[in-house]
Amino acid sequence: MKTGIVIEITGKDAIVMKNGGEFITLPAKEGWKKGDIIPVNRRKRPAVPIRRFLAAAAACLCLAVSGGGYHYYYAQAALISVDVNPSIELSVNRQDRVTSTAALNEDGKALLTGIRLTGMECGEAVRELLQAESSGQYPADHKNVVVTVYSTNEDRQSRLLKEIRETADHALTTRAADGSTEYRAVTSEEVKAAHSCGVTAGKYIYLQKLEEAAPGTDISRYSHCSIDEIKDHISNCEKRHQTDSTESDSGGKDCHSGHDHKNR
């Protein structure tokens, strides 16, 4: 199916950029907004002539994306991960808009079926995710949140972390008082290592902490756990080591005993 990007909505019409940079007009549907990716199934009239300010905006956009066009819009400039138990990644473009989403566990898949994030500004998308998560079954059981941002551009990474923190914190006022929300910048090495384990960078950081607390632990056995559960395992291992240092060599196995976790 061919798709296009909503560039502007004026009255009953939407200005849409198709693959290759061609602009067309379509009847605007309820709920459409700038930045949305929409299906374009049949030819429509070119979006000319249009109002002068729209023509100028389109010309500026063409200049901005010349040589890239459609691909420029989709080029990944940052990767954001959100972990509670739902584990979700957001691919973000140079305009700080979400171009694609990925669920890394079943809870994440279930959460994404009920919301649409593509085209949204990334901070708003994270807030939408957390609000959707808070309206479901998770707040009673999962109180810790980890949000990570990766970008090859350090300035962008720092800016997005700050903006996401400011935006997303408004969605976390109902979370348990003893819970925590972490915002972390991560490296390409951490992202690659996390993906090799089938998890987000945020969850991978805590799996590494578990491995440090219990050397020899097979962290793949915990990849399906929530951040809360992994933190509990870490705490249990640290307590065990404090009371009996002779069990440190088998700490990973001992900490797993009595917890029959199954993939959910």
Protein backbone atom coordinates (compact mmCIF):
# COMPACT_ATOMS: atom_id res chain seq x y z
CA MET A 1 0.00 0.00 0.00
CA LYS A 2 1.34 3.43 -0.98
CA THR A 3 1.54 6.00 1.78
CA GLY A 4 2.06 9.72 2.16
CA ILE A 5 2.80 12.29 4.85
CA VAL A 6 0.23 14.90 5.88
CA ILE A 7 2.02 18.22 5.47
CA GLU A 8 -0.84 20.63 6.11
CA ILE A 9 -4.60 20.57 6.67
CA THR A 10 -6.65 23.51 5.47
CA GLY A 11 -10.41 23.43 5.59
CA LYS A 12 -11.62 20.14 4.18
CA ASP A 13 -8.41 19.41 2.27
CA ALA A 14 -5.12 17.85 3.33
CA ILE A 15 -1.81 18.54 1.59
CA VAL A 16 0.03 15.22 1.34
CA MET A 17 3.57 14.45 0.19
CA LYS A 18 3.82 11.12 -1.61
CA ASN A 19 6.90 8.96 -1.96
CA GLY A 20 9.28 10.78 -4.27
CA GLY A 21 8.25 14.24 -3.07
CA GLU A 22 5.05 14.78 -5.12
CA PHE A 23 2.43 16.91 -3.37
CA ILE A 24 -1.27 16.09 -3.77
CA THR A 25 -4.50 17.12 -2.09
CA LEU A 26 -6.89 14.68 -0.45
CA PRO A 27 -10.16 15.18 1.40
CA ALA A 28 -9.11 15.51 5.03
CA LYS A 29 -10.46 12.76 7.25
CA GLU A 30 -11.43 13.24 10.87
CA GLY A 31 -8.47 12.69 13.17
CA TRP A 32 -5.78 13.47 10.59
CA LYS A 33 -3.02 15.81 11.74
CA LYS A 34 0.29 17.08 10.44
CA GLY A 35 2.98 14.42 10.35
CA ASP A 36 0.55 11.49 10.11
CA ILE A 37 1.43 8.66 7.73
CA ILE A 38 -1.68 7.85 5.69
CA PRO A 39 -2.55 5.42 2.87
CA VAL A 40 -2.65 6.88 -0.63
CA ASN A 41 -4.50 4.37 -2.78
CA ARG A 42 -5.50 6.40 -5.79
CA ARG A 43 -4.33 9.41 -7.74
CA LYS A 44 -5.58 12.81 -6.71
CA ARG A 45 -5.17 16.23 -8.25
CA PRO A 46 -1.76 17.85 -7.68
CA ALA A 47 -1.74 20.25 -4.79
CA VAL A 48 -1.42 23.30 -7.07
CA PRO A 49 -2.48 25.99 -7.25
CA ILE A 50 -2.77 26.35 -3.46
CA ARG A 51 -2.74 29.29 -1.15
CA ARG A 52 0.43 31.30 -1.37
CA PHE A 53 1.55 30.57 2.19
CA LEU A 54 1.09 26.86 1.61
CA ALA A 55 3.04 27.04 -1.62
CA ALA A 56 5.86 28.76 0.22
CA ALA A 57 5.77 26.16 2.98
CA ALA A 58 5.81 23.35 0.45
CA ALA A 59 8.71 24.97 -1.39
CA CYS A 60 10.68 25.25 1.83
CA LEU A 61 9.92 21.65 2.64
CA CYS A 62 11.03 20.55 -0.82
CA LEU A 63 14.31 22.37 -0.34
CA ALA A 64 14.75 20.83 3.09
CA VAL A 65 14.22 17.31 1.84
CA SER A 66 15.67 17.57 -1.68
CA GLY A 67 17.92 14.63 -2.35
CA GLY A 68 16.10 12.64 0.30
CA GLY A 69 12.40 13.41 0.05
CA TYR A 70 10.40 10.62 1.55
CA HIS A 71 13.53 8.86 2.81
CA TYR A 72 14.70 11.99 4.61
CA TYR A 73 11.50 12.01 6.64
CA TYR A 74 11.95 8.38 7.66
CA ALA A 75 15.69 8.54 8.37
CA GLN A 76 16.23 7.63 12.02
CA ALA A 77 17.79 10.43 14.07
CA ALA A 78 17.07 8.93 17.50
CA LEU A 79 15.77 5.77 19.15
CA ILE A 80 13.67 5.99 22.30
CA SER A 81 12.78 3.05 24.53
CA VAL A 82 10.13 2.92 27.25
CA ASP A 83 10.00 0.09 29.81
CA VAL A 84 7.50 -0.66 32.57
CA ASN A 85 6.61 -4.15 31.70
CA PRO A 86 5.44 -3.17 28.25
CA SER A 87 8.74 -2.74 26.35
CA ILE A 88 8.43 -0.38 23.39
CA GLU A 89 10.83 1.41 21.05
CA LEU A 90 10.12 4.54 19.03
CA SER A 91 12.10 5.49 15.94
CA VAL A 92 12.34 9.28 15.68
CA ASN A 93 13.27 11.45 12.68
CA ARG A 94 15.09 14.79 12.42
CA GLN A 95 11.85 16.65 13.11
CA ASP A 96 11.53 14.77 16.45
CA ARG A 97 8.50 12.89 15.15
CA VAL A 98 7.84 9.19 15.57
CA THR A 99 8.11 7.34 12.26
CA SER A 100 7.71 3.77 13.54
CA THR A 101 7.07 1.79 16.71
CA ALA A 102 8.21 -1.66 17.85
CA ALA A 103 7.01 -3.82 20.72
CA LEU A 104 9.64 -6.08 22.28
CA ASN A 105 7.26 -8.17 24.39
CA GLU A 106 3.63 -9.28 24.47
CA ASP A 107 2.55 -6.51 26.85
CA GLY A 108 4.08 -4.00 24.47
CA LYS A 109 2.18 -5.47 21.52
CA ALA A 110 -1.07 -5.30 23.46
CA LEU A 111 -0.45 -1.68 24.42
CA LEU A 112 0.37 -0.59 20.86
CA THR A 113 -2.83 -2.08 19.45
CA GLY A 114 -4.83 0.58 21.26
CA ILE A 115 -2.87 3.72 20.36
CA ARG A 116 -1.38 5.37 17.29
CA LEU A 117 1.94 7.13 17.79
CA THR A 118 3.38 7.59 14.28
CA GLY A 119 3.60 11.22 13.31
CA MET A 120 3.50 12.44 16.91
CA GLU A 121 6.20 14.58 18.48
CA CYS A 122 8.35 12.14 20.46
CA GLY A 123 7.77 13.69 23.90
CA GLU A 124 4.01 13.60 23.36
CA ALA A 125 4.30 10.01 22.14
CA VAL A 126 6.10 8.94 25.33
CA ARG A 127 3.48 10.70 27.43
CA GLU A 128 0.72 9.01 25.42
CA LEU A 129 2.38 5.64 26.02
CA LEU A 130 2.64 6.20 29.76
CA GLN A 131 -0.93 7.46 30.02
CA ALA A 132 -2.20 4.45 28.08
CA GLU A 133 -0.14 2.16 30.29
CA SER A 134 -1.44 3.85 33.44
CA SER A 135 -5.05 3.29 32.39
CA GLY A 136 -4.49 -0.47 32.08
CA GLN A 137 -3.51 -3.25 34.46
CA TYR A 138 0.06 -2.19 35.16
CA PRO A 139 0.08 0.59 37.78
CA ALA A 140 -0.82 -1.75 40.65
CA ASP A 141 1.98 -4.14 39.80
CA HIS A 142 4.68 -2.10 38.12
CA LYS A 143 5.87 1.17 39.60
CA ASN A 144 9.26 1.72 37.97
CA VAL A 145 9.77 3.23 34.52
CA VAL A 146 12.95 3.44 32.45
CA VAL A 147 13.14 5.71 29.39
CA THR A 148 16.27 5.76 27.22
CA VAL A 149 17.35 7.91 24.30
CA TYR A 150 20.00 7.05 21.73
CA SER A 151 21.26 9.37 19.02
CA THR A 152 24.57 9.75 17.23
CA ASN A 153 24.15 13.50 17.77
CA GLU A 154 24.93 14.27 21.41
CA ASP A 155 23.17 17.64 21.34
CA ARG A 156 19.99 16.03 20.02
CA GLN A 157 20.26 13.25 22.59
CA SER A 158 20.57 15.71 25.49
CA ARG A 159 17.77 17.91 24.17
CA LEU A 160 15.38 15.00 23.66
CA LEU A 161 16.10 13.64 27.14
CA LYS A 162 15.26 17.02 28.66
CA GLU A 163 12.11 17.50 26.56
CA ILE A 164 10.85 13.97 27.15
CA ARG A 165 11.42 14.28 30.90
CA GLU A 166 9.46 17.55 31.03
CA THR A 167 6.61 16.19 28.92
CA ALA A 168 6.38 12.66 30.28
CA ASP A 169 6.54 13.58 33.96
CA HIS A 170 3.01 14.96 33.67
CA ALA A 171 1.80 11.42 32.91
CA LEU A 172 3.41 9.92 35.99
CA THR A 173 1.66 11.79 38.81
CA THR A 174 -0.55 8.78 39.62
CA ARG A 175 2.30 6.30 39.90
CA ALA A 176 3.19 4.80 43.27
CA ALA A 177 5.06 7.15 45.59
CA ASP A 178 7.85 4.61 46.07
CA GLY A 179 8.27 4.15 42.34
CA SER A 180 10.89 5.80 40.17
CA THR A 181 11.28 7.08 36.63
CA GLU A 182 14.71 7.05 35.06
CA TYR A 183 15.76 8.92 31.93
CA ARG A 184 19.04 7.68 30.46
CA ALA A 185 21.22 8.43 27.48
CA VAL A 186 22.54 5.19 25.98
CA THR A 187 25.29 4.33 23.51
CA SER A 188 25.16 2.46 20.23
CA GLU A 189 26.99 -0.43 21.90
CA GLU A 190 24.29 -0.69 24.57
CA VAL A 191 21.55 -0.61 21.95
CA LYS A 192 23.24 -3.33 19.88
CA ALA A 193 23.84 -5.52 22.93
CA ALA A 194 20.23 -5.05 24.04
CA HIS A 195 18.87 -5.98 20.62
CA SER A 196 21.05 -9.09 20.55
CA CYS A 197 19.16 -10.15 23.71
CA GLY A 198 15.79 -9.14 22.27
CA VAL A 199 15.23 -6.35 24.82
CA THR A 200 15.33 -2.57 25.01
CA ALA A 201 18.41 -0.68 26.14
CA GLY A 202 16.64 0.27 29.37
CA LYS A 203 15.90 -3.31 30.33
CA TYR A 204 19.38 -4.43 29.24
CA ILE A 205 20.96 -2.00 31.72
CA TYR A 206 19.13 -3.72 34.56
CA LEU A 207 19.90 -7.19 33.25
CA GLN A 208 23.57 -6.20 33.40
CA LYS A 209 23.12 -5.04 37.00
CA LEU A 210 21.55 -8.41 37.80
CA GLU A 211 24.53 -10.18 36.26
CA GLU A 212 26.86 -8.05 38.39
CA ALA A 213 24.88 -8.90 41.53
CA ALA A 214 24.84 -12.61 40.66
CA PRO A 215 27.83 -13.55 38.49
CA GLY A 216 27.07 -16.42 36.16
CA THR A 217 23.38 -15.60 35.87
CA ASP A 218 21.82 -16.44 32.51
CA ILE A 219 20.18 -13.06 31.94
CA SER A 220 18.11 -14.43 29.06
CA ARG A 221 15.98 -16.16 31.72
CA TYR A 222 14.95 -12.72 32.95
CA SER A 223 14.42 -10.95 29.63
CA HIS A 224 10.63 -11.31 29.95
CA CYS A 225 10.56 -9.79 33.46
CA SER A 226 9.37 -6.28 34.23
CA ILE A 227 11.79 -3.65 35.53
CA ASP A 228 10.21 -4.12 38.97
CA GLU A 229 10.86 -7.86 38.92
CA ILE A 230 14.46 -7.48 37.78
CA LYS A 231 15.12 -4.89 40.50
CA ASP A 232 13.61 -7.28 43.06
CA HIS A 233 15.93 -10.06 41.88
CA ILE A 234 18.91 -7.72 42.17
CA SER A 235 17.90 -6.74 45.71
CA ASN A 236 17.41 -10.39 46.72
CA CYS A 237 20.81 -11.35 45.36
CA GLU A 238 22.54 -8.48 47.13
CA LYS A 239 20.87 -9.41 50.43
CA ARG A 240 21.85 -13.04 49.98
CA HIS A 241 25.47 -12.09 49.33
CA GLN A 242 25.55 -9.90 52.41
CA THR A 243 24.34 -12.71 54.67
CA ASP A 244 26.37 -15.50 53.14
CA SER A 245 29.28 -14.55 50.91
CA THR A 246 30.04 -18.22 50.29
CA GLU A 247 26.98 -18.44 48.03
CA SER A 248 28.21 -15.70 45.68
CA ASP A 249 29.45 -18.13 43.06
CA SER A 250 25.97 -19.68 42.74
CA GLY A 251 24.02 -16.50 43.33
CA GLY A 252 22.41 -16.42 39.88
CA LYS A 253 20.93 -19.87 40.33
CA ASP A 254 19.85 -19.29 43.92
CA CYS A 255 18.18 -15.99 43.10
CA HIS A 256 16.14 -17.62 40.39
CA SER A 257 14.95 -20.50 42.57
CA GLY A 258 11.42 -20.12 43.84
CA HIS A 259 10.48 -17.78 40.97
CA ASP A 260 8.95 -19.79 38.19
CA HIS A 261 8.68 -17.02 35.59
CA LYS A 262 7.11 -17.89 32.30
CA ASN A 263 7.04 -15.83 29.14
CA ARG A 264 3.96 -13.71 29.08
